């Protein structure tokens, strides 16, 4: 019996999501909109709950942007509302060669991903209820992605060109070791008092 409002900064993901919503006859319950989580177009105290899954690493590079995201989550939640949050973070800075590998896939430098999200949530008035690092459960994703690229090598080469495809596959092979060395995947729940 809930109503869901989805926000995404990718117009392509909105297109795909809207297609799925329509196909599953959920248009009366799910509203998908283009928007940026750093500047949500909603009144204060609008939502009972917010899920923010794997968003921050893509839009929050600076400390100011990280603070802005958590501020916006707090602002749009009703008192007593809950937030579920997950994202990839780094615990220390990778070497230059590791950074070059990461930029092939993640478009960020490791230092930009060093973040203590529970601290950001606490500083912005949230009560952190639970926080877990599930990085060990994410390593298989990189290996699976590499296998898919290898299985569809001809299509990947055709779409992106051989050089880009080769660089991407080489980076995918290196990422699990980099993630084991520096990465954490934070999953937390917090409540607005």
C-alpha atoms as a PDB file:
ATOM      1  CA  UNK A   1       0.000   0.000   0.000  1.00  0.00           C
ATOM      2  CA  UNK A   2       2.932   2.371  -0.439  1.00  0.00           C
ATOM      3  CA  UNK A   3       3.622   4.962  -3.104  1.00  0.00           C
ATOM      4  CA  UNK A   4       7.167   5.136  -4.441  1.00  0.00           C
ATOM      5  CA  UNK A   5       8.888   8.153  -5.953  1.00  0.00           C
ATOM      6  CA  UNK A   6      12.144   7.337  -7.715  1.00  0.00           C
ATOM      7  CA  UNK A   7      14.790   9.915  -8.607  1.00  0.00           C
ATOM      8  CA  UNK A   8      17.608   9.309 -11.055  1.00  0.00           C
ATOM      9  CA  UNK A   9      20.173  11.569 -12.695  1.00  0.00           C
ATOM     10  CA  UNK A  10      20.372   9.261 -15.735  1.00  0.00           C
ATOM     11  CA  UNK A  11      17.695   9.915 -18.335  1.00  0.00           C
ATOM     12  CA  UNK A  12      18.420   6.500 -19.872  1.00  0.00           C
ATOM     13  CA  UNK A  13      17.796   4.721 -16.564  1.00  0.00           C
ATOM     14  CA  UNK A  14      14.565   6.698 -16.185  1.00  0.00           C
ATOM     15  CA  UNK A  15      13.520   5.573 -19.665  1.00  0.00           C
ATOM     16  CA  UNK A  16      14.270   1.943 -18.844  1.00  0.00           C
ATOM     17  CA  UNK A  17      12.615   2.184 -15.419  1.00  0.00           C
ATOM     18  CA  UNK A  18       9.477   3.823 -16.798  1.00  0.00           C
ATOM     19  CA  UNK A  19       9.207   1.049 -19.359  1.00  0.00           C
ATOM     20  CA  UNK A  20       9.392  -1.577 -16.579  1.00  0.00           C
ATOM     21  CA  UNK A  21       6.888   0.306 -14.417  1.00  0.00           C
ATOM     22  CA  UNK A  22       4.411   0.476 -17.288  1.00  0.00           C
ATOM     23  CA  UNK A  23       4.945  -3.167 -18.278  1.00  0.00           C
ATOM     24  CA  UNK A  24       4.220  -4.249 -14.710  1.00  0.00           C
ATOM     25  CA  UNK A  25       1.141  -2.000 -14.378  1.00  0.00           C
ATOM     26  CA  UNK A  26       2.642  -0.032 -11.484  1.00  0.00           C
ATOM     27  CA  UNK A  27       2.240   3.513 -12.819  1.00  0.00           C
ATOM     28  CA  UNK A  28      -0.387   4.253 -10.154  1.00  0.00           C
ATOM     29  CA  UNK A  29       2.118   3.425  -7.383  1.00  0.00           C
ATOM     30  CA  UNK A  30       5.556   4.284  -8.780  1.00  0.00           C
ATOM     31  CA  UNK A  31       6.547   7.748  -9.998  1.00  0.00           C
ATOM     32  CA  UNK A  32       9.991   7.929 -11.587  1.00  0.00           C
ATOM     33  CA  UNK A  33      11.520  11.390 -12.091  1.00  0.00           C
ATOM     34  CA  UNK A  34      14.680  12.960 -13.391  1.00  0.00           C
ATOM     35  CA  UNK A  35      16.526  14.671 -10.560  1.00  0.00           C
ATOM     36  CA  UNK A  36      19.693  15.088  -8.563  1.00  0.00           C
ATOM     37  CA  UNK A  37      19.876  13.814  -4.987  1.00  0.00           C
ATOM     38  CA  UNK A  38      22.031  16.836  -4.092  1.00  0.00           C
ATOM     39  CA  UNK A  39      19.069  19.160  -4.732  1.00  0.00           C
ATOM     40  CA  UNK A  40      15.815  17.245  -4.271  1.00  0.00           C
ATOM     41  CA  UNK A  41      12.731  18.973  -5.620  1.00  0.00           C
ATOM     42  CA  UNK A  42      10.506  18.125  -2.636  1.00  0.00           C
ATOM     43  CA  UNK A  43       9.165  19.965   0.365  1.00  0.00           C
ATOM     44  CA  UNK A  44      10.678  19.393   3.808  1.00  0.00           C
ATOM     45  CA  UNK A  45       9.333  16.367   5.705  1.00  0.00           C
ATOM     46  CA  UNK A  46       7.820  14.703   2.608  1.00  0.00           C
ATOM     47  CA  UNK A  47       8.805  11.028   2.893  1.00  0.00           C
ATOM     48  CA  UNK A  48       8.413   8.285   5.491  1.00  0.00           C
ATOM     49  CA  UNK A  49      11.513   6.500   4.178  1.00  0.00           C
ATOM     50  CA  UNK A  50      14.312   7.035   1.674  1.00  0.00           C
ATOM     51  CA  UNK A  51      16.540   4.477  -0.022  1.00  0.00           C
ATOM     52  CA  UNK A  52      19.790   5.830  -1.405  1.00  0.00           C
ATOM     53  CA  UNK A  53      21.569   2.913  -3.046  1.00  0.00           C
ATOM     54  CA  UNK A  54      24.959   3.287  -4.733  1.00  0.00           C
ATOM     55  CA  UNK A  55      24.404   6.955  -5.544  1.00  0.00           C
ATOM     56  CA  UNK A  56      26.946   8.886  -3.518  1.00  0.00           C
ATOM     57  CA  UNK A  57      30.118   7.683  -5.226  1.00  0.00           C
ATOM     58  CA  UNK A  58      28.791   8.914  -8.553  1.00  0.00           C
ATOM     59  CA  UNK A  59      27.681  12.405  -7.498  1.00  0.00           C
ATOM     60  CA  UNK A  60      29.614  13.160  -4.293  1.00  0.00           C
ATOM     61  CA  UNK A  61      33.279  13.836  -4.894  1.00  0.00           C
ATOM     62  CA  UNK A  62      33.876  16.706  -2.484  1.00  0.00           C
ATOM     63  CA  UNK A  63      33.136  16.925   1.232  1.00  0.00           C
ATOM     64  CA  UNK A  64      30.627  19.682   0.458  1.00  0.00           C
ATOM     65  CA  UNK A  65      28.719  17.392  -1.925  1.00  0.00           C
ATOM     66  CA  UNK A  66      28.699  14.554   0.619  1.00  0.00           C
ATOM     67  CA  UNK A  67      27.336  16.897   3.274  1.00  0.00           C
ATOM     68  CA  UNK A  68      24.766  18.249   0.803  1.00  0.00           C
ATOM     69  CA  UNK A  69      23.491  14.724   0.041  1.00  0.00           C
ATOM     70  CA  UNK A  70      22.999  13.814   3.692  1.00  0.00           C
ATOM     71  CA  UNK A  71      21.423  17.218   4.395  1.00  0.00           C
ATOM     72  CA  UNK A  72      18.914  16.659   1.569  1.00  0.00           C
ATOM     73  CA  UNK A  73      18.055  13.168   2.835  1.00  0.00           C
ATOM     74  CA  UNK A  74      17.447  14.588   6.308  1.00  0.00           C
ATOM     75  CA  UNK A  75      15.424  17.509   4.955  1.00  0.00           C
ATOM     76  CA  UNK A  76      12.948  15.454   2.907  1.00  0.00           C
ATOM     77  CA  UNK A  77      12.380  12.811   5.605  1.00  0.00           C
ATOM     78  CA  UNK A  78       9.532  13.183   8.052  1.00  0.00           C
ATOM     79  CA  UNK A  79      10.478  13.126  11.749  1.00  0.00           C
ATOM     80  CA  UNK A  80      10.893   9.482  12.710  1.00  0.00           C
ATOM     81  CA  UNK A  81      11.618   8.594   9.086  1.00  0.00           C
ATOM     82  CA  UNK A  82      14.227   6.059   8.098  1.00  0.00           C
ATOM     83  CA  UNK A  83      16.946   6.066   5.469  1.00  0.00           C
ATOM     84  CA  UNK A  84      18.643   3.035   3.968  1.00  0.00           C
ATOM     85  CA  UNK A  85      21.987   3.842   2.382  1.00  0.00           C
ATOM     86  CA  UNK A  86      24.715   1.915   0.596  1.00  0.00           C
ATOM     87  CA  UNK A  87      27.801   2.868  -1.346  1.00  0.00           C
ATOM     88  CA  UNK A  88      31.358   1.953  -2.210  1.00  0.00           C
ATOM     89  CA  UNK A  89      33.987   3.790  -0.175  1.00  0.00           C
ATOM     90  CA  UNK A  90      37.738   3.578   0.125  1.00  0.00           C
ATOM     91  CA  UNK A  91      39.646   3.319   3.391  1.00  0.00           C
ATOM     92  CA  UNK A  92      42.935   4.688   2.032  1.00  0.00           C
ATOM     93  CA  UNK A  93      44.414   6.009  -1.202  1.00  0.00           C
ATOM     94  CA  UNK A  94      45.481   3.548  -3.900  1.00  0.00           C
ATOM     95  CA  UNK A  95      48.808   3.858  -5.715  1.00  0.00           C
ATOM     96  CA  UNK A  96      49.021   5.884  -8.936  1.00  0.00           C
ATOM     97  CA  UNK A  97      48.949   2.761 -11.098  1.00  0.00           C
ATOM     98  CA  UNK A  98      45.919   1.444  -9.190  1.00  0.00           C
ATOM     99  CA  UNK A  99      44.239   4.855  -9.589  1.00  0.00           C
ATOM    100  CA  UNK A 100      44.739   4.662 -13.372  1.00  0.00           C
ATOM    101  CA  UNK A 101      43.091   1.235 -13.432  1.00  0.00           C
ATOM    102  CA  UNK A 102      40.172   2.486 -11.343  1.00  0.00           C
ATOM    103  CA  UNK A 103      39.563   5.543 -13.509  1.00  0.00           C
ATOM    104  CA  UNK A 104      39.038   3.238 -16.482  1.00  0.00           C
ATOM    105  CA  UNK A 105      35.866   1.968 -14.801  1.00  0.00           C
ATOM    106  CA  UNK A 106      34.888   4.203 -11.914  1.00  0.00           C
ATOM    107  CA  UNK A 107      35.847   7.682 -13.169  1.00  0.00           C
ATOM    108  CA  UNK A 108      36.963   8.651  -9.671  1.00  0.00           C
ATOM    109  CA  UNK A 109      40.162   8.748  -7.727  1.00  0.00           C
ATOM    110  CA  UNK A 110      40.380   6.598  -4.614  1.00  0.00           C
ATOM    111  CA  UNK A 111      40.945   9.622  -2.378  1.00  0.00           C
ATOM    112  CA  UNK A 112      37.556  10.992  -3.503  1.00  0.00           C
ATOM    113  CA  UNK A 113      35.887   7.821  -2.256  1.00  0.00           C
ATOM    114  CA  UNK A 114      37.443   7.915   1.225  1.00  0.00           C
ATOM    115  CA  UNK A 115      34.350   8.635   3.283  1.00  0.00           C
ATOM    116  CA  UNK A 116      33.057   7.937   6.767  1.00  0.00           C
ATOM    117  CA  UNK A 117      29.352   7.905   5.899  1.00  0.00           C
ATOM    118  CA  UNK A 118      28.119   7.079   9.427  1.00  0.00           C
ATOM    119  CA  UNK A 119      29.888  10.213  10.644  1.00  0.00           C
ATOM    120  CA  UNK A 120      28.233  12.357   7.934  1.00  0.00           C
ATOM    121  CA  UNK A 121      24.816  11.001   8.928  1.00  0.00           C
ATOM    122  CA  UNK A 122      25.422  11.656  12.644  1.00  0.00           C
ATOM    123  CA  UNK A 123      26.677  15.203  11.990  1.00  0.00           C
ATOM    124  CA  UNK A 124      23.487  15.964  10.060  1.00  0.00           C
ATOM    125  CA  UNK A 125      21.179  14.882  12.871  1.00  0.00           C
ATOM    126  CA  UNK A 126      20.550  11.220  12.074  1.00  0.00           C
ATOM    127  CA  UNK A 127      20.682   8.382  14.554  1.00  0.00           C
ATOM    128  CA  UNK A 128      22.686   5.609  12.883  1.00  0.00           C
ATOM    129  CA  UNK A 129      20.896   2.375  13.718  1.00  0.00           C
ATOM    130  CA  UNK A 130      23.123  -0.109  11.937  1.00  0.00           C
ATOM    131  CA  UNK A 131      26.216  -0.046   9.738  1.00  0.00           C
ATOM    132  CA  UNK A 132      27.827  -2.979   7.951  1.00  0.00           C
ATOM    133  CA  UNK A 133      30.664  -3.413   5.471  1.00  0.00           C
ATOM    134  CA  UNK A 134      29.671  -5.971   2.828  1.00  0.00           C
ATOM    135  CA  UNK A 135      32.639  -5.551   0.461  1.00  0.00           C
ATOM    136  CA  UNK A 136      33.335  -9.295   0.530  1.00  0.00           C
ATOM    137  CA  UNK A 137      29.925  -9.896  -1.046  1.00  0.00           C
ATOM    138  CA  UNK A 138      30.691  -7.593  -3.980  1.00  0.00           C
ATOM    139  CA  UNK A 139      33.879  -9.158  -5.374  1.00  0.00           C
ATOM    140  CA  UNK A 140      31.978 -11.689  -7.467  1.00  0.00           C
ATOM    141  CA  UNK A 141      30.254  -8.862  -9.327  1.00  0.00           C
ATOM    142  CA  UNK A 142      33.525  -7.697 -10.874  1.00  0.00           C
ATOM    143  CA  UNK A 143      34.449 -11.234 -11.921  1.00  0.00           C
ATOM    144  CA  UNK A 144      30.975 -11.806 -13.361  1.00  0.00           C
ATOM    145  CA  UNK A 145      31.205  -8.560 -15.324  1.00  0.00           C
ATOM    146  CA  UNK A 146      34.577  -9.618 -16.730  1.00  0.00           C
ATOM    147  CA  UNK A 147      33.135 -13.005 -17.777  1.00  0.00           C
ATOM    148  CA  UNK A 148      30.215 -11.283 -19.532  1.00  0.00           C
ATOM    149  CA  UNK A 149      32.595  -8.961 -21.390  1.00  0.00           C
ATOM    150  CA  UNK A 150      34.703 -11.973 -22.417  1.00  0.00           C
ATOM    151  CA  UNK A 151      31.661 -13.970 -23.574  1.00  0.00           C
ATOM    152  CA  UNK A 152      30.481 -11.044 -25.693  1.00  0.00           C
ATOM    153  CA  UNK A 153      33.928  -9.933 -26.823  1.00  0.00           C
ATOM    154  CA  UNK A 154      32.971  -9.407 -30.456  1.00  0.00           C
ATOM    155  CA  UNK A 155      30.001  -7.170 -29.575  1.00  0.00           C
ATOM    156  CA  UNK A 156      32.047  -5.234 -27.002  1.00  0.00           C
ATOM    157  CA  UNK A 157      34.855  -4.712 -29.538  1.00  0.00           C
ATOM    158  CA  UNK A 158      32.372  -3.535 -32.141  1.00  0.00           C
ATOM    159  CA  UNK A 159      30.555  -1.154 -29.807  1.00  0.00           C
ATOM    160  CA  UNK A 160      33.540   0.407 -28.017  1.00  0.00           C
ATOM    161  CA  UNK A 161      36.486  -0.415 -30.262  1.00  0.00           C
ATOM    162  CA  UNK A 162      39.199  -2.965 -29.575  1.00  0.00           C
ATOM    163  CA  UNK A 163      41.484  -0.637 -27.626  1.00  0.00           C
ATOM    164  CA  UNK A 164      38.788   0.542 -25.191  1.00  0.00           C
ATOM    165  CA  UNK A 165      37.417  -2.998 -24.821  1.00  0.00           C
ATOM    166  CA  UNK A 166      40.902  -4.370 -24.112  1.00  0.00           C
ATOM    167  CA  UNK A 167      41.630  -1.641 -21.528  1.00  0.00           C
ATOM    168  CA  UNK A 168      38.258  -2.184 -19.845  1.00  0.00           C
ATOM    169  CA  UNK A 169      38.758  -5.949 -19.589  1.00  0.00           C
ATOM    170  CA  UNK A 170      42.279  -5.511 -18.246  1.00  0.00           C
ATOM    171  CA  UNK A 171      40.953  -3.095 -15.605  1.00  0.00           C
ATOM    172  CA  UNK A 172      38.088  -5.447 -14.682  1.00  0.00           C
ATOM    173  CA  UNK A 173      40.635  -8.191 -14.022  1.00  0.00           C
ATOM    174  CA  UNK A 174      42.562  -5.909 -11.608  1.00  0.00           C
ATOM    175  CA  UNK A 175      39.651  -4.283  -9.738  1.00  0.00           C
ATOM    176  CA  UNK A 176      38.864  -7.148  -7.281  1.00  0.00           C
ATOM    177  CA  UNK A 177      42.399  -7.002  -5.848  1.00  0.00           C
ATOM    178  CA  UNK A 178      42.211  -3.197  -5.534  1.00  0.00           C
ATOM    179  CA  UNK A 179      38.829  -3.448  -3.799  1.00  0.00           C
ATOM    180  CA  UNK A 180      40.139  -6.058  -1.355  1.00  0.00           C
ATOM    181  CA  UNK A 181      43.047  -3.793  -0.531  1.00  0.00           C
ATOM    182  CA  UNK A 182      41.269  -0.429  -0.157  1.00  0.00           C
ATOM    183  CA  UNK A 183      37.527  -0.852  -0.507  1.00  0.00           C
ATOM    184  CA  UNK A 184      34.558  -1.067   1.807  1.00  0.00           C
ATOM    185  CA  UNK A 185      30.911  -1.256   0.844  1.00  0.00           C
ATOM    186  CA  UNK A 186      28.960   0.585   3.500  1.00  0.00           C
ATOM    187  CA  UNK A 187      25.347  -0.392   4.155  1.00  0.00           C
ATOM    188  CA  UNK A 188      23.660   1.619   6.868  1.00  0.00           C
ATOM    189  CA  UNK A 189      20.268   2.416   8.273  1.00  0.00           C
ATOM    190  CA  UNK A 190      19.578   5.672  10.049  1.00  0.00           C
ATOM    191  CA  UNK A 191      16.624   7.502  11.508  1.00  0.00           C
ATOM    192  CA  UNK A 192      15.658  11.148  11.653  1.00  0.00           C
ATOM    193  CA  UNK A 193      14.626  11.913  15.264  1.00  0.00           C
END
